[in-house]
C-alpha cells in the first residue's frame, strides 16, 4: 500500500483550498499517511496570502514539523514572492520536485 501523498493546492476557490489543506493536516495528525508533502500553486498562492483560515491550516501543517512550498514561477509572475517569508513558506521551482515525488511513489492529490 502506498502511504506517501503529495497534496497540490492550486484552486483559488477558498472552499476547495481549505478542503485540501484540511486533508493534508489530518492525514499527518492522525497518521492516515506516513508522508504528506504540501505545495501551493497557481491561484492558491494569492489566496494563501490573504485567507486567514488557509493560513491557520498551513500553521497546523507546519506544527507537524513539515514545510509547505509555494511555486516560484507563479509567485514571481504575480510579484508576490517576497510575501511568503512572513508565513515561513519557501518559494521554489516545483515542477521537477513534484515529478520526482510522483516517480518515487507519492500519490498526487490536486485541489
Protein backbone atom coordinates (compact mmCIF):
# COMPACT_ATOMS: atom_id res chain seq x y z
CA UNK A 1 0.00 0.00 0.00
CA UNK A 2 1.24 3.47 -0.87
CA UNK A 3 1.25 5.77 2.15
CA UNK A 4 3.02 8.75 0.61
CA UNK A 5 0.98 11.69 -0.65
CA UNK A 6 1.72 14.96 -2.41
CA UNK A 7 -1.08 17.49 -1.97
CA UNK A 8 -1.11 20.26 -4.57
CA UNK A 9 -3.44 23.12 -3.79
CA UNK A 10 -3.93 25.14 -6.95
CA UNK A 11 -7.51 26.37 -6.71
CA UNK A 12 -8.27 29.98 -5.91
CA UNK A 13 -11.61 28.81 -4.52
CA UNK A 14 -11.36 29.06 -0.73
CA UNK A 15 -13.59 26.06 -0.08
CA UNK A 16 -11.51 23.76 -2.26
CA UNK A 17 -8.23 25.08 -0.87
CA UNK A 18 -9.46 24.64 2.71
CA UNK A 19 -10.56 21.07 1.98
CA UNK A 20 -7.16 20.17 0.54
CA UNK A 21 -5.23 21.76 3.39
CA UNK A 22 -7.51 20.15 5.97
CA UNK A 23 -6.90 16.74 4.43
CA UNK A 24 -3.11 17.30 4.39
CA UNK A 25 -3.13 18.31 8.06
CA UNK A 26 -5.37 15.46 9.19
CA UNK A 27 -3.52 12.85 7.14
CA UNK A 28 -0.41 13.71 9.15
CA UNK A 29 -2.03 14.39 12.51
CA UNK A 30 -3.99 11.14 12.54
CA UNK A 31 -1.34 9.10 10.70
CA UNK A 32 -3.61 8.26 7.76
CA UNK A 33 -0.48 8.61 5.63
CA UNK A 34 3.15 8.23 6.57
CA UNK A 35 4.31 11.19 4.47
CA UNK A 36 2.38 14.21 3.18
CA UNK A 37 4.05 16.91 1.10
CA UNK A 38 2.13 20.16 0.57
CA UNK A 39 2.52 22.55 -2.37
CA UNK A 40 0.72 25.79 -3.23
CA UNK A 41 0.48 26.55 -6.92
CA UNK A 42 -1.36 28.96 -9.20
CA UNK A 43 -4.29 30.97 -7.83
CA UNK A 44 -3.96 29.24 -4.44
CA UNK A 45 -0.76 31.17 -3.82
CA UNK A 46 -2.50 34.55 -3.80
CA UNK A 47 -5.32 33.05 -1.74
CA UNK A 48 -2.86 31.80 0.88
CA UNK A 49 -1.53 35.32 1.37
CA UNK A 50 -4.97 36.73 2.23
CA UNK A 51 -7.09 33.89 3.62
CA UNK A 52 -6.77 33.60 7.41
CA UNK A 53 -8.37 30.14 7.58
CA UNK A 54 -5.96 28.78 4.98
CA UNK A 55 -3.09 30.38 6.90
CA UNK A 56 -4.29 28.67 10.09
CA UNK A 57 -4.36 25.31 8.28
CA UNK A 58 -0.84 25.99 6.99
CA UNK A 59 0.28 26.65 10.57
CA UNK A 60 -1.22 23.32 11.66
CA UNK A 61 0.67 21.57 8.86
CA UNK A 62 3.87 23.31 9.92
CA UNK A 63 3.22 22.24 13.53
CA UNK A 64 3.59 18.67 12.30
CA UNK A 65 7.25 19.58 11.50
CA UNK A 66 6.53 19.86 7.80
CA UNK A 67 7.32 22.60 5.28
CA UNK A 68 4.85 23.68 2.61
CA UNK A 69 6.28 25.12 -0.60
CA UNK A 70 4.97 27.78 -2.99
CA UNK A 71 5.73 27.78 -6.71
CA UNK A 72 8.47 30.28 -7.54
CA UNK A 73 7.46 30.72 -11.17
CA UNK A 74 3.88 31.66 -10.29
CA UNK A 75 4.92 33.82 -7.34
CA UNK A 76 7.45 35.76 -9.40
CA UNK A 77 4.97 36.24 -12.26
CA UNK A 78 2.49 37.67 -9.75
CA UNK A 79 5.08 39.79 -7.97
CA UNK A 80 4.33 38.13 -4.63
CA UNK A 81 7.46 36.03 -3.97
CA UNK A 82 8.64 38.14 -1.06
CA UNK A 83 5.30 37.86 0.78
CA UNK A 84 5.69 34.16 1.61
CA UNK A 85 8.56 34.77 4.03
CA UNK A 86 6.07 36.06 6.62
CA UNK A 87 4.34 32.66 6.50
CA UNK A 88 7.61 30.66 6.60
CA UNK A 89 6.83 29.20 3.19
CA UNK A 90 9.81 28.72 0.89
CA UNK A 91 9.34 29.74 -2.73
CA UNK A 92 10.89 27.22 -5.12
CA UNK A 93 10.50 25.87 -8.62
CA UNK A 94 8.23 22.89 -8.03
CA UNK A 95 7.71 21.15 -11.37
CA UNK A 96 10.71 18.87 -11.07
CA UNK A 97 10.11 18.34 -7.33
CA UNK A 98 6.55 17.14 -7.88
CA UNK A 99 7.60 14.96 -10.82
CA UNK A 100 10.28 13.32 -8.70
CA UNK A 101 7.83 12.70 -5.85
CA UNK A 102 5.40 11.01 -8.23
CA UNK A 103 8.22 8.86 -9.67
CA UNK A 104 9.15 7.97 -6.08
CA UNK A 105 5.67 6.63 -5.43
CA UNK A 106 3.84 9.60 -3.96
CA UNK A 107 0.20 9.75 -4.94
CA UNK A 108 -0.74 13.24 -6.22
CA UNK A 109 -3.90 14.83 -4.88
CA UNK A 110 -4.81 18.11 -6.56
CA UNK A 111 -7.29 20.56 -5.06
